[in-house]
Amino acid sequence: MRIRLALFAWLVLLCCQPADGATFQALGLNEDPLIWGRQGNLASRQCAISGNGLVVGFESMASQLIPQDRNGQTDVFVQTGGSLFRLSRRISGADARRSSNSIVLSETGRYVVFESDDNLQETAASAGFSSAYWVDRQTGTLLQASRTLSGARARVGKVSISGNGRYVFFDSNDANIVAGDSNAAQDIFRFDTQTALTILVSSSNTGVQGNSSSVNPSADLSGTLVAFESDASNFVAGDTVTRDVFVKNLSTAAVIRASQTSAGVGGALPSTQPHLASNGNFVVFQTGSQLDRSNPDNNGLSDITDTPCPLGIPSARLSA
């Protein structure tokens, strides 16, 4: 058993070539059969699971889940097939010097995105703000997904990943991630791990940037469709200043407002926290508005609503 584990660890400690041409040291196996199963000595939280159910991700403050975890910071881990891996490490293999969190997984769990307050691509300590990182667990490739036009780290709020693992979505208020960002607000971006190209997502079908903040992206399997919430009123005609949920098709640039009735009437109250189905056919979100006309909403509270994409079929309130 130890021979097999040592051989596997040697195989994953190879170097690989990410999209932007830099070479990074792969992440090694951090599992020791002598301590596997030991309960964490501090809290673990914010879990995620792959679409196939075989890989679980989480963040933990515990220092005894793996050997020699001495950074005293929150780290991100994945557990699969009885093995535990820590992904929040510097490319040298050293411990991260700041906390990492907000892990999300692709459909198979091979690709992982998380946020870290540390610069995992450098050996020196760096400014403590969250940036997005993408890991290919099969090859060990580590990429900084949120980057400015100059290649520096960019701040992120919420991260997401396409089901196929190719695209990283995030919101950020940095104005130098793409050219022409002039709205001084939080925007949604998509980073392509194969081409290292970042594009603006939160814009109208004519390419006009949103006139207010957009946050909380959620993508489909292919990374073509993305749902998000926004205060912007210039994505669709006749919109109001109420926060809405939108779905954008990045192939056609078409934008639809999901938080509306089947007659196209927008909600009077904010709609937030969208989650897009892997096939892109439905989006669920939280709203205080009455969008499901077939099921009167009189509880005066926020409810969970399911809306088809594209629109035309009435929204359904799920928290009935």
Foldseek 3Di string as FASTA:
>chain_A
DVVVLVVQQVVLQDWDAWQVGDIFGAFGFFFDVVCQPPDFPWDKDDKEAAQVRFKIKTKTQGQPNGPPSDLSEIWMWMDGPSGIGTLQAASVNHHFNYYKGQKYAANVRQKIKTWTLADSDDDDGDGRAIFMWMARNVNRDIDGQAAFPVGHTFHFDHWEAANQRQKIKTWGQDQGRDPPRDLSEIFIWIAGGNNRDIDTLQAALVRHHFNYYKGDWAAANVRQKIKTWTQGQPRDPPRDRAIFIWIAGNVRRHIDTQQAALVRHHFPHHWHDWYAYNVRFKIKTKTQGDRQPVDDDDPSDIFIWIATPPGNDGIDTPRD
